[in-house]
């Protein structure tokens, strides 16, 4: 059975050049770069999957994915993309996208500033 696969792009490793006085910044900077790289990879995967969608709804989904600027934007679009893929008969792409989202959100959901108040006493 042929499984659809997302396009893999070989990315060159970035050279690391030591800078005097930048030792304290190396860890956070590299973490930000890794997070950004994971976001770009996931957005690319969503765009490749959205290319499978036809019609005006497919175009709308592609526009929404293209305009995503933060990982949480893709998280909020996941249900819409999964439903559109299922209605187009391309639901086999959903596990691939879920795996890509898992690299951005290893604990299952994005961090949020909102507090769930259902369990708090009044």
C-alpha atoms as a PDB file:
ATOM      1  CA  UNK A   1       0.000   0.000   0.000  1.00  0.00           C
ATOM      2  CA  UNK A   2       1.377   3.376  -0.960  1.00  0.00           C
ATOM      3  CA  UNK A   3       1.443   5.724   1.993  1.00  0.00           C
ATOM      4  CA  UNK A   4       1.564   9.408   1.188  1.00  0.00           C
ATOM      5  CA  UNK A   5       4.644  11.003   2.614  1.00  0.00           C
ATOM      6  CA  UNK A   6       5.396  14.609   3.273  1.00  0.00           C
ATOM      7  CA  UNK A   7       8.309  16.032   1.344  1.00  0.00           C
ATOM      8  CA  UNK A   8      11.570  15.732   3.216  1.00  0.00           C
ATOM      9  CA  UNK A   9      13.960  18.583   2.671  1.00  0.00           C
ATOM     10  CA  UNK A  10      17.640  18.112   3.459  1.00  0.00           C
ATOM     11  CA  UNK A  11      18.680  21.048   5.587  1.00  0.00           C
ATOM     12  CA  UNK A  12      22.356  21.934   5.916  1.00  0.00           C
ATOM     13  CA  UNK A  13      23.732  22.166   9.418  1.00  0.00           C
ATOM     14  CA  UNK A  14      24.350  25.703  10.564  1.00  0.00           C
ATOM     15  CA  UNK A  15      27.968  26.501  11.330  1.00  0.00           C
ATOM     16  CA  UNK A  16      28.658  27.539  14.904  1.00  0.00           C
ATOM     17  CA  UNK A  17      31.094  30.410  15.312  1.00  0.00           C
ATOM     18  CA  UNK A  18      32.220  31.216  18.852  1.00  0.00           C
ATOM     19  CA  UNK A  19      31.824  34.839  19.880  1.00  0.00           C
ATOM     20  CA  UNK A  20      33.554  36.322  22.906  1.00  0.00           C
ATOM     21  CA  UNK A  21      31.020  37.167  25.604  1.00  0.00           C
ATOM     22  CA  UNK A  22      28.182  35.230  23.976  1.00  0.00           C
ATOM     23  CA  UNK A  23      28.490  32.108  26.105  1.00  0.00           C
ATOM     24  CA  UNK A  24      25.501  33.048  28.253  1.00  0.00           C
ATOM     25  CA  UNK A  25      23.357  33.648  25.165  1.00  0.00           C
ATOM     26  CA  UNK A  26      24.217  30.442  23.336  1.00  0.00           C
ATOM     27  CA  UNK A  27      21.737  28.166  25.126  1.00  0.00           C
ATOM     28  CA  UNK A  28      18.616  30.352  24.840  1.00  0.00           C
ATOM     29  CA  UNK A  29      19.496  31.421  21.305  1.00  0.00           C
ATOM     30  CA  UNK A  30      19.973  27.854  20.128  1.00  0.00           C
ATOM     31  CA  UNK A  31      16.717  26.881  21.831  1.00  0.00           C
ATOM     32  CA  UNK A  32      14.876  29.666  19.988  1.00  0.00           C
ATOM     33  CA  UNK A  33      16.447  28.574  16.699  1.00  0.00           C
ATOM     34  CA  UNK A  34      15.434  24.958  17.302  1.00  0.00           C
ATOM     35  CA  UNK A  35      11.870  26.021  18.158  1.00  0.00           C
ATOM     36  CA  UNK A  36      11.676  28.181  15.044  1.00  0.00           C
ATOM     37  CA  UNK A  37      13.039  25.365  12.881  1.00  0.00           C
ATOM     38  CA  UNK A  38      10.406  22.975  14.297  1.00  0.00           C
ATOM     39  CA  UNK A  39       7.663  25.527  13.566  1.00  0.00           C
ATOM     40  CA  UNK A  40       8.821  26.047   9.972  1.00  0.00           C
ATOM     41  CA  UNK A  41       8.990  22.284   9.399  1.00  0.00           C
ATOM     42  CA  UNK A  42       5.483  21.775  10.802  1.00  0.00           C
ATOM     43  CA  UNK A  43       4.096  24.675   8.770  1.00  0.00           C
ATOM     44  CA  UNK A  44       5.675  23.158   5.651  1.00  0.00           C
ATOM     45  CA  UNK A  45       4.029  19.813   6.457  1.00  0.00           C
ATOM     46  CA  UNK A  46       0.642  21.533   6.856  1.00  0.00           C
ATOM     47  CA  UNK A  47       1.111  23.361   3.546  1.00  0.00           C
ATOM     48  CA  UNK A  48       1.994  20.130   1.738  1.00  0.00           C
ATOM     49  CA  UNK A  49      -1.104  18.452   3.199  1.00  0.00           C
ATOM     50  CA  UNK A  50      -3.294  21.455   2.314  1.00  0.00           C
ATOM     51  CA  UNK A  51      -2.176  21.194  -1.320  1.00  0.00           C
ATOM     52  CA  UNK A  52      -4.265  18.010  -1.486  1.00  0.00           C
ATOM     53  CA  UNK A  53      -7.462  20.019  -0.875  1.00  0.00           C
ATOM     54  CA  UNK A  54      -9.571  21.310  -3.748  1.00  0.00           C
ATOM     55  CA  UNK A  55     -12.173  24.003  -4.078  1.00  0.00           C
ATOM     56  CA  UNK A  56     -12.790  27.225  -2.230  1.00  0.00           C
ATOM     57  CA  UNK A  57     -12.604  25.563   1.185  1.00  0.00           C
ATOM     58  CA  UNK A  58      -9.202  24.119   0.288  1.00  0.00           C
ATOM     59  CA  UNK A  59      -8.011  27.554  -0.798  1.00  0.00           C
ATOM     60  CA  UNK A  60      -9.276  29.038   2.471  1.00  0.00           C
ATOM     61  CA  UNK A  61      -7.408  26.378   4.482  1.00  0.00           C
ATOM     62  CA  UNK A  62      -4.207  27.047   2.518  1.00  0.00           C
ATOM     63  CA  UNK A  63      -4.529  30.791   3.174  1.00  0.00           C
ATOM     64  CA  UNK A  64      -5.017  30.171   6.892  1.00  0.00           C
ATOM     65  CA  UNK A  65      -1.982  27.885   7.091  1.00  0.00           C
ATOM     66  CA  UNK A  66       0.157  30.336   5.112  1.00  0.00           C
ATOM     67  CA  UNK A  67      -0.798  33.164   7.469  1.00  0.00           C
ATOM     68  CA  UNK A  68       0.146  31.180  10.602  1.00  0.00           C
ATOM     69  CA  UNK A  69       2.908  33.013  12.441  1.00  0.00           C
ATOM     70  CA  UNK A  70       3.119  31.072  15.696  1.00  0.00           C
ATOM     71  CA  UNK A  71       2.992  27.375  16.600  1.00  0.00           C
ATOM     72  CA  UNK A  72      -0.280  28.000  18.424  1.00  0.00           C
ATOM     73  CA  UNK A  73      -1.825  29.192  15.131  1.00  0.00           C
ATOM     74  CA  UNK A  74      -1.181  25.757  13.623  1.00  0.00           C
ATOM     75  CA  UNK A  75      -2.494  24.120  16.789  1.00  0.00           C
ATOM     76  CA  UNK A  76      -5.776  26.028  16.446  1.00  0.00           C
ATOM     77  CA  UNK A  77      -6.031  25.110  12.738  1.00  0.00           C
ATOM     78  CA  UNK A  78      -5.439  21.392  13.259  1.00  0.00           C
ATOM     79  CA  UNK A  79      -9.122  20.457  13.602  1.00  0.00           C
ATOM     80  CA  UNK A  80     -10.083  22.384  10.485  1.00  0.00           C
ATOM     81  CA  UNK A  81      -7.248  20.847   8.477  1.00  0.00           C
ATOM     82  CA  UNK A  82      -8.001  17.317   9.724  1.00  0.00           C
ATOM     83  CA  UNK A  83     -11.712  17.707   8.898  1.00  0.00           C
ATOM     84  CA  UNK A  84     -10.934  19.082   5.430  1.00  0.00           C
ATOM     85  CA  UNK A  85      -8.526  16.218   4.740  1.00  0.00           C
ATOM     86  CA  UNK A  86     -11.102  13.667   5.914  1.00  0.00           C
ATOM     87  CA  UNK A  87     -13.824  15.150   3.699  1.00  0.00           C
ATOM     88  CA  UNK A  88     -11.404  15.095   0.742  1.00  0.00           C
ATOM     89  CA  UNK A  89     -10.588  11.429   1.395  1.00  0.00           C
ATOM     90  CA  UNK A  90      -7.013  12.186   2.461  1.00  0.00           C
ATOM     91  CA  UNK A  91      -7.301  11.304   6.154  1.00  0.00           C
ATOM     92  CA  UNK A  92      -4.138   9.175   5.906  1.00  0.00           C
ATOM     93  CA  UNK A  93      -2.167  12.435   6.182  1.00  0.00           C
ATOM     94  CA  UNK A  94      -3.562  13.137   9.655  1.00  0.00           C
ATOM     95  CA  UNK A  95      -1.107  10.913  11.599  1.00  0.00           C
ATOM     96  CA  UNK A  96       1.799  12.557   9.788  1.00  0.00           C
ATOM     97  CA  UNK A  97       0.555  16.004  10.785  1.00  0.00           C
ATOM     98  CA  UNK A  98      -0.092  14.869  14.357  1.00  0.00           C
ATOM     99  CA  UNK A  99       3.502  13.650  14.549  1.00  0.00           C
ATOM    100  CA  UNK A 100       4.716  16.979  13.236  1.00  0.00           C
ATOM    101  CA  UNK A 101       2.625  18.822  15.836  1.00  0.00           C
ATOM    102  CA  UNK A 102       4.068  16.566  18.531  1.00  0.00           C
ATOM    103  CA  UNK A 103       7.499  18.050  17.836  1.00  0.00           C
ATOM    104  CA  UNK A 104       6.117  21.505  18.624  1.00  0.00           C
ATOM    105  CA  UNK A 105       3.972  20.482  21.577  1.00  0.00           C
ATOM    106  CA  UNK A 106       5.538  17.445  23.260  1.00  0.00           C
ATOM    107  CA  UNK A 107       3.039  17.659  26.132  1.00  0.00           C
ATOM    108  CA  UNK A 108      -0.006  17.627  23.875  1.00  0.00           C
ATOM    109  CA  UNK A 109      -1.033  21.265  23.879  1.00  0.00           C
ATOM    110  CA  UNK A 110       0.477  24.729  23.685  1.00  0.00           C
ATOM    111  CA  UNK A 111       1.227  26.796  26.748  1.00  0.00           C
ATOM    112  CA  UNK A 112      -1.517  29.262  27.496  1.00  0.00           C
ATOM    113  CA  UNK A 113      -2.091  32.246  29.740  1.00  0.00           C
ATOM    114  CA  UNK A 114      -5.684  31.194  30.373  1.00  0.00           C
ATOM    115  CA  UNK A 115      -6.655  29.536  33.625  1.00  0.00           C
ATOM    116  CA  UNK A 116      -9.224  26.772  33.786  1.00  0.00           C
ATOM    117  CA  UNK A 117     -11.561  27.680  36.620  1.00  0.00           C
ATOM    118  CA  UNK A 118     -13.817  24.620  36.611  1.00  0.00           C
ATOM    119  CA  UNK A 119     -11.982  22.964  39.519  1.00  0.00           C
ATOM    120  CA  UNK A 120     -11.525  26.060  41.660  1.00  0.00           C
ATOM    121  CA  UNK A 121     -13.736  26.683  44.702  1.00  0.00           C
ATOM    122  CA  UNK A 122     -15.916  29.768  44.560  1.00  0.00           C
END
